[in-house]
Amino acid sequence: MYKYIIKRLLLLIPIMLAVSFIVFFITDLAPGDVVDIISGTEMSVEDKEKLREEMGLNDPFVIRYFRYMSGLVRGDLGISLVTKKDVFQVYISRLPATLKLATAGTVVALSIAIPLGITAAVHQNSWRDSGSMVLGLLGLSIPTFWLGLLMIIIFSLKLGWFPSIGNEGLISVVLPAITVGSGQAALTMRTTRSSMLEVIRQDYLRTARAKGVSEKVVIRKHALKNALIPILTVAGNQFGIAMGGAVMTETVFAWPGIGRLIIDSINNRDTQMVTGAIILTTMLSSVVILLIDIAYAFVDPRIKARYTK
């Protein structure tokens, strides 16, 4: 198990190198730079060029990239070109809001997806199955920003039940979590249905029924446990994506998380902040996926035995 974890953590090194280069390269292709954002209209062209020279923006791409990577190797993600704040500290200050939203959205998704997926599988080809599939297709088809705006109009502006923007207590996470969770639930529900359909036809479930075990126990204790691995995979990946910042949701609800930080930094041409935030997000997402892989061992004893060899 320990060797497997160390091997997966070492794989983060080439991933970080690739991610940093791609992000740095793409942001360099964008028209304009951070000087155009922070200088305003009153600064002369000569002063702008002087500022670019002081910030090292006139250096070739390769030099700027290796200068950044030399700091990254030492654990220094740099200073924001706009706010002059430490990138790591800014990221950490935004992380709790994103964790809160990602966790709440995943809880909402699993609360919807698993019951609907089990119901659809147990009652295959019935109206319950068809209804669940329709809900799943709707969840996949409805744009996140449209659903978020619709919920703000109904539950915030019309009914006044929930705040429309910001992160002020648990009540403020309800609408963003439902918005994030609805999209996650659609895919997780379809995965639950498919996985359960493969399991409920197995011989050991027929044996359990023949021994007099109730249908509820057969489904919940035996079938669901053996169908969990694909569900865990999808749920973990969805959580990792939400950890990366549910960009549209955070923008619509003015949620102070990682996604909004990245969008604001891209708009400000803040290369240091964009690159650092995406690198840290990639690391967190990789760790989440690793934890999901480890969780397989607690679900399936066969996988645990393979880890311990």
Protein backbone atom coordinates (compact mmCIF):
# COMPACT_ATOMS: atom_id res chain seq x y z
CA MET A 1 0.00 0.00 0.00
CA TYR A 2 2.76 2.46 0.96
CA LYS A 3 4.73 1.74 -2.21
CA TYR A 4 1.61 2.37 -4.28
CA ILE A 5 0.97 5.72 -2.54
CA ILE A 6 4.59 6.84 -2.98
CA LYS A 7 4.53 5.85 -6.65
CA ARG A 8 1.33 7.86 -7.23
CA LEU A 9 2.75 10.89 -5.43
CA LEU A 10 5.93 10.77 -7.54
CA LEU A 11 3.77 10.83 -10.66
CA LEU A 12 2.68 14.32 -9.61
CA ILE A 13 6.11 15.70 -10.59
CA PRO A 14 5.76 15.24 -14.39
CA ILE A 15 2.10 16.27 -14.14
CA MET A 16 3.07 19.54 -12.43
CA LEU A 17 5.74 20.23 -15.05
CA ALA A 18 3.30 19.67 -17.91
CA VAL A 19 0.53 21.72 -16.30
CA SER A 20 2.81 24.65 -15.47
CA PHE A 21 4.22 24.78 -19.01
CA ILE A 22 0.81 24.57 -20.69
CA VAL A 23 -0.74 27.25 -18.46
CA PHE A 24 2.27 29.55 -18.81
CA PHE A 25 2.28 29.11 -22.58
CA ILE A 26 -1.46 29.71 -23.03
CA THR A 27 -1.50 32.83 -20.85
CA ASP A 28 1.47 34.14 -22.82
CA LEU A 29 -0.54 33.84 -26.05
CA ALA A 30 -3.34 36.07 -24.74
CA PRO A 31 -3.35 39.63 -26.13
CA GLY A 32 -2.15 42.34 -23.76
CA ASP A 33 -0.52 41.86 -20.38
CA VAL A 34 -0.91 42.76 -16.74
CA VAL A 35 0.58 46.22 -17.31
CA ASP A 36 -2.40 47.16 -19.47
CA ILE A 37 -4.69 46.20 -16.59
CA ILE A 38 -2.93 47.94 -13.71
CA SER A 39 -1.66 51.05 -15.50
CA GLY A 40 -4.99 52.54 -16.53
CA THR A 41 -5.28 55.15 -19.28
CA GLU A 42 -3.16 57.90 -17.73
CA MET A 43 0.24 56.16 -17.88
CA SER A 44 2.36 57.00 -20.89
CA VAL A 45 3.69 54.41 -23.32
CA GLU A 46 7.25 55.01 -22.07
CA ASP A 47 6.21 54.43 -18.46
CA LYS A 48 4.39 51.25 -19.45
CA GLU A 49 7.48 49.92 -21.19
CA LYS A 50 9.60 50.80 -18.17
CA LEU A 51 7.17 48.95 -15.90
CA ARG A 52 7.25 45.91 -18.18
CA GLU A 53 11.03 45.93 -18.03
CA GLU A 54 10.99 46.12 -14.23
CA MET A 55 8.52 43.22 -14.01
CA GLY A 56 10.54 41.11 -16.44
CA LEU A 57 7.69 40.90 -18.94
CA ASN A 58 9.95 41.81 -21.87
CA ASP A 59 12.14 38.75 -21.31
CA PRO A 60 11.71 35.81 -23.71
CA PHE A 61 9.10 33.21 -22.78
CA VAL A 62 11.70 30.52 -21.99
CA ILE A 63 13.55 32.77 -19.53
CA ARG A 64 10.35 33.81 -17.77
CA TYR A 65 9.20 30.18 -17.54
CA PHE A 66 12.46 28.87 -16.09
CA ARG A 67 12.59 31.79 -13.67
CA TYR A 68 9.15 30.80 -12.45
CA MET A 69 10.07 27.12 -12.25
CA SER A 70 13.21 27.88 -10.25
CA GLY A 71 11.00 29.49 -7.62
CA LEU A 72 8.49 26.66 -7.80
CA VAL A 73 11.19 24.06 -7.08
CA ARG A 74 11.94 25.97 -3.87
CA GLY A 75 8.25 25.96 -2.96
CA ASP A 76 7.74 29.58 -3.99
CA LEU A 77 4.64 30.11 -6.16
CA GLY A 78 5.43 33.76 -6.57
CA ILE A 79 3.68 37.05 -5.92
CA SER A 80 0.51 38.20 -7.68
CA LEU A 81 1.35 40.74 -10.37
CA VAL A 82 -1.84 42.69 -9.59
CA THR A 83 -2.42 42.55 -5.84
CA LYS A 84 1.25 41.98 -4.85
CA LYS A 85 0.09 39.27 -2.44
CA ASP A 86 1.64 35.83 -2.00
CA VAL A 87 -0.04 33.39 -4.42
CA PHE A 88 -0.07 30.50 -1.95
CA GLN A 89 -1.64 32.59 0.83
CA VAL A 90 -4.34 33.92 -1.50
CA TYR A 91 -5.09 30.39 -2.70
CA ILE A 92 -5.32 29.03 0.84
CA SER A 93 -7.66 31.87 1.82
CA ARG A 94 -10.03 30.90 -1.02
CA LEU A 95 -9.76 27.13 -0.53
CA PRO A 96 -12.25 26.73 2.38
CA ALA A 97 -15.07 28.25 0.32
CA THR A 98 -14.37 25.87 -2.56
CA LEU A 99 -14.14 22.87 -0.20
CA LYS A 100 -17.45 23.88 1.35
CA LEU A 101 -19.16 24.15 -2.04
CA ALA A 102 -17.60 20.96 -3.46
CA THR A 103 -18.53 18.90 -0.38
CA ALA A 104 -22.08 20.25 -0.25
CA GLY A 105 -22.55 19.72 -3.99
CA THR A 106 -21.29 16.12 -3.77
CA VAL A 107 -23.61 15.38 -0.82
CA VAL A 108 -26.55 16.76 -2.82
CA ALA A 109 -25.53 14.72 -5.88
CA LEU A 110 -25.18 11.43 -3.98
CA SER A 111 -28.44 12.02 -2.08
CA ILE A 112 -30.25 12.30 -5.40
CA ALA A 113 -28.28 9.91 -7.60
CA ILE A 114 -27.96 6.76 -5.50
CA PRO A 115 -31.67 6.35 -4.60
CA LEU A 116 -32.75 7.15 -8.17
CA GLY A 117 -30.11 4.87 -9.67
CA ILE A 118 -31.07 1.96 -7.42
CA THR A 119 -34.77 2.49 -8.12
CA ALA A 120 -34.15 2.60 -11.88
CA ALA A 121 -32.11 -0.62 -11.80
CA VAL A 122 -34.49 -2.57 -9.55
CA HIS A 123 -37.50 -1.50 -11.64
CA GLN A 124 -35.82 -1.75 -15.04
CA ASN A 125 -37.98 -0.83 -18.05
CA SER A 126 -40.75 0.52 -15.81
CA TRP A 127 -42.06 4.07 -15.54
CA ARG A 128 -39.72 4.59 -12.58
CA ASP A 129 -36.75 3.67 -14.73
CA SER A 130 -37.90 5.95 -17.54
CA GLY A 131 -38.57 8.82 -15.15
CA SER A 132 -35.11 8.50 -13.61
CA MET A 133 -33.49 8.46 -17.04
CA VAL A 134 -35.41 11.60 -18.06
CA LEU A 135 -34.23 13.38 -14.90
CA GLY A 136 -30.69 12.27 -15.66
CA LEU A 137 -30.85 13.63 -19.20
CA LEU A 138 -32.24 16.92 -17.92
CA GLY A 139 -29.43 17.20 -15.39
CA LEU A 140 -26.83 16.66 -18.11
CA SER A 141 -28.50 19.01 -20.57
CA ILE A 142 -29.36 22.05 -18.44
CA PRO A 143 -26.52 24.62 -18.49
CA THR A 144 -25.14 25.34 -15.03
CA PHE A 145 -25.28 29.11 -15.39
CA TRP A 146 -28.94 28.96 -16.52
CA LEU A 147 -29.95 26.74 -13.60
CA GLY A 148 -28.09 29.01 -11.17
CA LEU A 149 -29.80 32.15 -12.50
CA LEU A 150 -33.19 30.41 -12.44
CA MET A 151 -32.73 29.40 -8.80
CA ILE A 152 -31.68 32.95 -7.87
CA ILE A 153 -34.80 34.36 -9.54
CA ILE A 154 -37.18 31.87 -7.87
CA PHE A 155 -35.73 31.20 -4.43
CA SER A 156 -33.90 34.45 -3.79
CA LEU A 157 -35.65 37.28 -5.63
CA LYS A 158 -39.22 35.95 -5.67
CA LEU A 159 -39.46 33.89 -2.47
CA GLY A 160 -36.59 35.43 -0.51
CA TRP A 161 -35.65 32.11 1.10
CA PHE A 162 -31.92 32.15 0.38
CA PRO A 163 -29.24 34.79 -0.31
CA SER A 164 -28.30 35.16 -3.95
CA ILE A 165 -24.57 35.89 -3.62
CA GLY A 166 -21.64 35.49 -1.25
CA ASN A 167 -20.61 32.99 1.41
CA GLU A 168 -22.36 34.01 4.60
CA GLY A 169 -23.12 30.93 6.70
CA LEU A 170 -24.57 27.55 5.77
CA ILE A 171 -27.75 28.98 4.27
CA SER A 172 -25.76 30.72 1.54
CA VAL A 173 -24.39 27.40 0.22
CA VAL A 174 -27.83 25.87 -0.46
CA LEU A 175 -28.46 27.31 -3.93
CA PRO A 176 -24.87 26.92 -5.20
CA ALA A 177 -24.70 23.35 -3.85
CA ILE A 178 -27.94 22.36 -5.58
CA THR A 179 -26.68 23.93 -8.80
CA VAL A 180 -23.38 22.02 -8.63
CA GLY A 181 -24.99 18.83 -7.35
CA SER A 182 -27.65 18.67 -10.06
CA GLY A 183 -25.08 18.24 -12.80
CA GLN A 184 -23.09 15.75 -10.75
CA ALA A 185 -26.21 13.76 -9.84
CA ALA A 186 -27.12 13.11 -13.47
CA LEU A 187 -23.89 11.29 -14.31
CA THR A 188 -23.67 9.53 -10.93
CA MET A 189 -27.26 8.31 -11.25
CA ARG A 190 -26.63 6.77 -14.67
CA THR A 191 -23.47 5.11 -13.35
CA THR A 192 -25.35 3.76 -10.30
CA ARG A 193 -28.07 2.31 -12.52
CA SER A 194 -25.58 0.61 -14.87
CA SER A 195 -23.50 -0.78 -12.02
CA MET A 196 -26.53 -2.07 -10.13
CA LEU A 197 -27.91 -3.76 -13.25
CA GLU A 198 -24.70 -5.78 -13.54
CA VAL A 199 -24.80 -6.80 -9.88
CA ILE A 200 -28.47 -7.67 -9.29
CA ARG A 201 -28.31 -10.52 -11.82
CA GLN A 202 -25.46 -12.28 -10.01
CA ASP A 203 -25.94 -15.78 -8.58
CA TYR A 204 -25.01 -14.84 -5.01
CA LEU A 205 -27.99 -12.48 -4.83
CA ARG A 206 -30.34 -15.23 -5.95
CA THR A 207 -28.80 -17.43 -3.25
CA ALA A 208 -29.41 -14.74 -0.63
CA ARG A 209 -33.05 -14.44 -1.70
CA ALA A 210 -33.42 -18.23 -1.60
CA LYS A 211 -32.20 -18.19 2.02
CA GLY A 212 -35.04 -15.84 2.91
CA VAL A 213 -33.11 -12.57 3.09
CA SER A 214 -35.48 -9.65 2.53
CA GLU A 215 -35.26 -7.77 -0.77
CA LYS A 216 -34.29 -4.52 0.95
CA VAL A 217 -31.33 -6.19 2.66
CA VAL A 218 -30.31 -7.89 -0.58
CA ILE A 219 -30.26 -4.58 -2.44
CA ARG A 220 -28.75 -2.35 0.23
CA LYS A 221 -26.26 -4.69 1.88
CA HIS A 222 -25.19 -7.04 -0.89
CA ALA A 223 -25.92 -5.45 -4.27
CA LEU A 224 -25.06 -1.83 -3.49
CA LYS A 225 -21.79 -2.69 -1.73
CA ASN A 226 -20.57 -4.65 -4.74
CA ALA A 227 -21.68 -1.91 -7.13
CA LEU A 228 -19.91 0.88 -5.27
CA ILE A 229 -16.57 0.98 -7.10
CA PRO A 230 -17.83 2.64 -10.33
CA ILE A 231 -19.99 4.96 -8.22
CA LEU A 232 -16.99 5.94 -6.07
CA THR A 233 -14.95 6.57 -9.20
CA VAL A 234 -17.51 8.94 -10.72
CA ALA A 235 -18.28 10.68 -7.41
CA GLY A 236 -14.56 11.15 -6.70
CA ASN A 237 -13.89 12.57 -10.15
CA GLN A 238 -16.88 14.91 -9.83
CA PHE A 239 -15.61 16.07 -6.43
CA GLY A 240 -12.17 16.66 -7.93
CA ILE A 241 -13.70 18.75 -10.70
CA ALA A 242 -15.66 20.77 -8.15
CA MET A 243 -12.44 21.21 -6.17
CA GLY A 244 -10.99 22.81 -9.26
CA GLY A 245 -13.64 25.42 -8.87
CA ALA A 246 -17.16 25.22 -10.21
CA VAL A 247 -16.35 28.24 -12.36
CA MET A 248 -19.80 29.01 -13.72
CA THR A 249 -21.51 28.44 -10.37
CA GLU A 250 -18.99 30.54 -8.46
CA THR A 251 -19.37 33.33 -11.02
CA VAL A 252 -23.17 33.33 -10.96
CA PHE A 253 -23.37 33.28 -7.15
CA ALA A 254 -20.30 35.52 -6.61
CA TRP A 255 -18.85 32.68 -4.56
CA PRO A 256 -15.35 33.55 -3.26
CA GLY A 257 -13.71 30.29 -4.26
CA ILE A 258 -10.87 28.98 -6.40
CA GLY A 259 -12.83 29.03 -9.66
CA ARG A 260 -13.65 32.70 -9.36
CA LEU A 261 -10.06 33.45 -8.35
CA ILE A 262 -8.77 31.80 -11.52
CA ILE A 263 -11.27 33.63 -13.74
CA ASP A 264 -10.45 37.01 -12.18
CA SER A 265 -6.72 36.30 -12.56
CA ILE A 266 -7.14 35.36 -16.22
CA ASN A 267 -9.05 38.59 -16.87
CA ASN A 268 -6.25 40.53 -15.14
CA ARG A 269 -3.52 38.67 -17.09
CA ASP A 270 -2.02 37.71 -13.72
CA THR A 271 0.19 34.87 -14.94
CA GLN A 272 1.68 34.17 -11.52
CA MET A 273 -1.71 33.74 -9.86
CA VAL A 274 -3.24 31.71 -12.69
CA THR A 275 -0.32 29.29 -12.91
CA GLY A 276 0.03 28.87 -9.15
CA ALA A 277 -3.69 28.35 -8.59
CA ILE A 278 -3.99 25.76 -11.35
CA ILE A 279 -0.88 23.89 -10.14
CA LEU A 280 -2.23 23.71 -6.58
CA THR A 281 -5.66 22.68 -7.85
CA THR A 282 -4.14 19.91 -9.96
CA MET A 283 -2.25 18.62 -6.91
CA LEU A 284 -5.41 18.62 -4.79
CA SER A 285 -7.42 16.86 -7.50
CA SER A 286 -4.70 14.21 -7.86
CA VAL A 287 -4.70 13.62 -4.10
CA VAL A 288 -8.50 13.27 -4.11
CA ILE A 289 -8.29 10.65 -6.89
CA LEU A 290 -5.56 8.83 -4.92
CA LEU A 291 -7.79 8.76 -1.83
CA ILE A 292 -10.62 7.33 -3.94
CA ASP A 293 -8.31 4.58 -5.21
CA ILE A 294 -7.33 3.76 -1.63
CA ALA A 295 -11.00 3.71 -0.63
CA TYR A 296 -11.52 0.86 -3.12
CA ALA A 297 -9.58 -1.39 -0.75
CA PHE A 298 -12.18 -0.86 1.98
CA VAL A 299 -15.03 -1.61 -0.42
CA ASP A 300 -13.60 -4.64 -2.20
CA PRO A 301 -11.39 -7.09 -0.19
CA ARG A 302 -9.88 -8.40 -3.45
CA ILE A 303 -8.34 -4.99 -4.15
CA LYS A 304 -7.05 -4.76 -0.59
CA ALA A 305 -5.32 -8.11 -1.02
CA ARG A 306 -3.65 -6.85 -4.20
CA TYR A 307 -2.38 -3.74 -2.42
CA THR A 308 -0.85 -5.76 0.42
CA LYS A 309 1.13 -8.08 -1.80
